[in-house]
Amino acid sequence: MREEDQRQLLVSLGASLFARGFSVGSAGNISVRLPDGYLMTPTNSSLGRLEAARISKLDLEWRHVGGDKPTKEVFLHRAFLDARPDAGAVVHLHSTHATAISCLEEAVIPPLTPYFVMRVGRRLPLIPYYRPGDAAMEPAIHAAAREAKAVLLANHGPVICGPTLTDAVNAAEELEEAARLALMLRSLNPRLLTPAQVDDLLNTFG
């Protein structure tokens, strides 16, 4: 996909996430891998009011080369994209239910549905709390991302990657829905997918 098309898609999907409450204010950020670098949402920008021409561009060495200044959480995206050559985009949201899970002592989203396993994977590591914008969390995210497609930042929110921008957004939406179900069922005794069923999904869908 051409860079201009990626910019327009980022604007469109960002607006869709914002309109449905997956981010509020200037919360959240998104990145896309390009052949010659990366696109990233600008610092203090709203996902609901992005402008294609103002989206930040970084080169392959993560230097800012165009558009507005990038998000202060560049390191978060770098950790995922460096750790996972298969990742084409990263989405970081402050979506309500996933963020609520990240505030719990046992921040776990169990395998309730096949789509959570298919889009998020077997594991959802919890990264210990760091102040937002603190690059000291990059090594922990990088290590977790080598084994997982998504992480929860404690008391902060989810970060998830996908082969394409559309895939990453779909996975972020699925993660939020799984978190909502986990909270709804928390005091009950839900039937979880078995390890064999999880293995079957991962072997079938990757």
Protein backbone atom coordinates (compact mmCIF):
# COMPACT_ATOMS: atom_id res chain seq x y z
CA MET A 1 0.00 0.00 0.00
CA ARG A 2 1.29 3.48 -0.89
CA GLU A 3 2.32 5.79 1.93
CA GLU A 4 -0.50 8.22 1.10
CA ASP A 5 -3.02 5.37 1.31
CA GLN A 6 -1.58 4.31 4.68
CA ARG A 7 -1.94 7.89 5.93
CA GLN A 8 -5.57 8.06 4.85
CA LEU A 9 -6.32 4.66 6.39
CA LEU A 10 -4.71 5.72 9.67
CA VAL A 11 -6.92 8.83 9.73
CA SER A 12 -10.03 6.78 8.98
CA LEU A 13 -9.40 4.02 11.50
CA GLY A 14 -8.29 6.48 14.18
CA ALA A 15 -11.55 8.39 13.76
CA SER A 16 -13.53 5.14 13.98
CA LEU A 17 -11.80 4.11 17.22
CA PHE A 18 -12.35 7.55 18.71
CA ALA A 19 -16.02 7.75 17.69
CA ARG A 20 -16.73 4.41 19.42
CA GLY A 21 -14.97 5.35 22.66
CA PHE A 22 -11.80 3.27 22.31
CA SER A 23 -9.82 6.44 23.02
CA VAL A 24 -10.68 9.80 24.55
CA GLY A 25 -9.09 13.23 24.31
CA SER A 26 -5.51 12.86 23.11
CA ALA A 27 -5.10 9.35 24.54
CA GLY A 28 -3.64 6.52 22.49
CA ASN A 29 -1.30 6.34 19.54
CA ILE A 30 -0.78 4.29 16.38
CA SER A 31 2.21 3.45 14.18
CA VAL A 32 2.62 1.85 10.75
CA ARG A 33 5.74 0.30 9.25
CA LEU A 34 6.78 1.60 5.81
CA PRO A 35 9.55 0.38 3.47
CA ASP A 36 11.56 3.51 4.29
CA GLY A 37 10.53 4.14 7.90
CA TYR A 38 7.43 4.56 10.04
CA LEU A 39 4.26 6.63 10.30
CA MET A 40 3.13 7.61 13.78
CA THR A 41 0.42 9.71 15.32
CA PRO A 42 1.74 13.09 16.54
CA THR A 43 2.18 14.01 20.18
CA ASN A 44 -0.96 15.33 21.92
CA SER A 45 -3.09 14.50 18.88
CA SER A 46 -6.60 13.06 19.07
CA LEU A 47 -7.27 9.87 17.14
CA GLY A 48 -10.57 11.47 16.17
CA ARG A 49 -9.02 14.54 14.57
CA LEU A 50 -5.94 13.38 12.69
CA GLU A 51 -4.81 15.05 9.45
CA ALA A 52 -3.04 12.85 6.92
CA ALA A 53 -0.38 15.42 5.97
CA ARG A 54 0.52 16.13 9.61
CA ILE A 55 1.08 12.49 10.66
CA SER A 56 4.66 12.07 11.87
CA LYS A 57 7.17 10.24 9.71
CA LEU A 58 10.32 8.63 11.09
CA ASP A 59 13.12 7.07 9.09
CA LEU A 60 14.47 3.54 9.55
CA GLU A 61 16.68 4.80 12.40
CA TRP A 62 13.63 6.24 14.19
CA ARG A 63 14.62 9.85 13.46
CA HIS A 64 11.80 12.34 12.93
CA VAL A 65 11.90 13.40 9.27
CA GLY A 66 8.44 14.76 8.48
CA GLY A 67 5.07 15.88 9.77
CA ASP A 68 4.37 16.97 13.33
CA LYS A 69 6.48 15.83 16.28
CA PRO A 70 5.69 12.16 17.05
CA THR A 71 4.09 10.81 20.21
CA LYS A 72 6.25 10.79 23.31
CA GLU A 73 5.79 7.01 23.33
CA VAL A 74 7.87 6.32 20.21
CA PHE A 75 9.84 3.77 22.25
CA LEU A 76 6.68 1.71 22.83
CA HIS A 77 6.18 1.26 19.08
CA ARG A 78 9.89 0.72 18.48
CA ALA A 79 9.90 -2.07 21.07
CA PHE A 80 7.15 -3.96 19.24
CA LEU A 81 8.27 -3.32 15.68
CA ASP A 82 11.90 -4.20 16.44
CA ALA A 83 10.89 -7.35 18.35
CA ARG A 84 8.43 -8.57 15.73
CA PRO A 85 9.48 -8.41 12.08
CA ASP A 86 6.01 -9.78 11.23
CA ALA A 87 4.31 -6.69 12.70
CA GLY A 88 3.24 -3.98 10.26
CA ALA A 89 1.45 -1.74 12.75
CA VAL A 90 1.02 -1.12 16.48
CA VAL A 91 -2.02 0.26 18.31
CA HIS A 92 -1.90 1.62 21.85
CA LEU A 93 -5.25 2.55 23.41
CA HIS A 94 -6.67 3.54 26.78
CA SER A 95 -9.86 1.59 26.06
CA THR A 96 -12.07 1.34 29.13
CA HIS A 97 -12.31 -2.38 29.86
CA ALA A 98 -8.76 -3.38 28.95
CA THR A 99 -7.46 -0.48 31.03
CA ALA A 100 -9.69 -1.57 33.92
CA ILE A 101 -8.18 -5.07 33.71
CA SER A 102 -4.70 -3.52 33.76
CA CYS A 103 -5.53 -1.93 37.13
CA LEU A 104 -6.37 -5.25 38.80
CA GLU A 105 -3.91 -7.19 40.95
CA GLU A 106 -4.62 -10.22 38.75
CA ALA A 107 -4.63 -8.53 35.35
CA VAL A 108 -5.70 -11.58 33.35
CA ILE A 109 -7.98 -11.98 30.34
CA PRO A 110 -8.70 -15.71 30.07
CA PRO A 111 -9.35 -17.55 26.77
CA LEU A 112 -13.10 -17.04 26.66
CA THR A 113 -13.60 -16.83 22.89
CA PRO A 114 -11.78 -18.21 19.85
CA TYR A 115 -11.44 -14.73 18.34
CA PHE A 116 -9.46 -13.46 21.31
CA VAL A 117 -7.01 -16.35 20.90
CA MET A 118 -6.86 -15.93 17.11
CA ARG A 119 -6.17 -12.17 17.21
CA VAL A 120 -4.34 -11.73 20.52
CA GLY A 121 -2.73 -15.11 21.10
CA ARG A 122 -2.07 -17.41 24.02
CA ARG A 123 -0.49 -14.86 26.38
CA LEU A 124 -1.17 -11.26 27.36
CA PRO A 125 1.80 -10.21 29.52
CA LEU A 126 1.44 -7.45 32.10
CA ILE A 127 4.21 -4.84 32.02
CA PRO A 128 4.87 -3.31 35.49
CA TYR A 129 3.82 0.29 36.00
CA TYR A 130 5.97 3.03 34.52
CA ARG A 131 5.12 6.70 34.24
CA PRO A 132 3.60 7.45 30.79
CA GLY A 133 6.37 8.50 28.44
CA ASP A 134 9.08 6.80 30.50
CA ALA A 135 11.38 5.10 27.98
CA ALA A 136 12.68 2.84 30.76
CA MET A 137 9.81 0.47 29.97
CA GLU A 138 11.12 -0.24 26.44
CA PRO A 139 13.28 -3.30 27.35
CA ALA A 140 10.39 -4.93 29.21
CA ILE A 141 8.01 -4.36 26.30
CA HIS A 142 10.58 -5.60 23.78
CA ALA A 143 11.16 -8.80 25.75
CA ALA A 144 7.43 -9.47 26.10
CA ALA A 145 6.71 -8.67 22.45
CA ARG A 146 9.14 -11.35 21.30
CA GLU A 147 6.69 -13.92 22.70
CA ALA A 148 3.33 -12.12 22.51
CA LYS A 149 1.31 -10.01 20.06
CA ALA A 150 -0.05 -7.78 22.81
CA VAL A 151 0.71 -6.56 26.30
CA LEU A 152 -1.09 -4.69 29.04
CA LEU A 153 0.71 -1.74 30.59
CA ALA A 154 -0.17 -1.77 34.29
CA ASN A 155 -2.66 0.99 35.18
CA HIS A 156 -2.32 2.35 31.65
CA GLY A 157 -3.81 0.25 28.85
CA PRO A 158 -3.22 -2.23 26.01
CA VAL A 159 -0.64 -2.30 23.22
CA ILE A 160 -1.13 -4.70 20.31
CA CYS A 161 0.37 -5.33 16.90
CA GLY A 162 -0.78 -6.88 13.64
CA PRO A 163 0.57 -7.68 10.17
CA THR A 164 -1.27 -4.64 8.80
CA LEU A 165 -2.88 -1.54 10.26
CA THR A 166 -6.33 -3.01 9.76
CA ASP A 167 -5.28 -6.25 11.47
CA ALA A 168 -3.84 -4.35 14.44
CA VAL A 169 -7.02 -2.29 14.86
CA ASN A 170 -9.19 -5.41 14.62
CA ALA A 171 -7.04 -7.09 17.27
CA ALA A 172 -7.26 -4.04 19.54
CA GLU A 173 -11.04 -4.10 19.26
CA GLU A 174 -11.14 -7.84 19.99
CA LEU A 175 -8.89 -7.36 23.03
CA GLU A 176 -11.24 -4.69 24.39
CA GLU A 177 -14.28 -6.92 23.87
CA ALA A 178 -12.51 -9.82 25.61
CA ALA A 179 -11.69 -7.54 28.55
CA ARG A 180 -15.34 -6.48 28.77
CA LEU A 181 -16.45 -10.12 28.82
CA ALA A 182 -13.83 -10.98 31.44
CA LEU A 183 -15.11 -8.25 33.74
CA MET A 184 -18.75 -9.27 33.18
CA LEU A 185 -17.97 -12.89 34.04
CA ARG A 186 -15.45 -12.21 36.82
CA SER A 187 -17.71 -13.26 39.71
CA LEU A 188 -19.14 -16.24 37.82
CA ASN A 189 -17.64 -19.52 36.71
CA PRO A 190 -17.26 -19.19 32.94
CA ARG A 191 -16.37 -22.09 30.67
CA LEU A 192 -12.91 -21.34 29.25
CA LEU A 193 -11.41 -22.73 26.09
CA THR A 194 -9.28 -25.74 26.96
CA PRO A 195 -5.51 -25.81 26.26
CA ALA A 196 -6.19 -28.26 23.44
CA GLN A 197 -8.76 -25.91 21.91
CA VAL A 198 -6.32 -22.99 22.20
CA ASP A 199 -3.60 -25.08 20.53
CA ASP A 200 -5.99 -26.00 17.71
CA LEU A 201 -6.84 -22.33 17.07
CA LEU A 202 -3.21 -21.25 17.04
CA ASN A 203 -2.16 -24.14 14.81
CA THR A 204 -5.01 -23.41 12.41
CA PHE A 205 -4.93 -19.62 12.31
CA GLY A 206 -1.33 -18.86 13.34
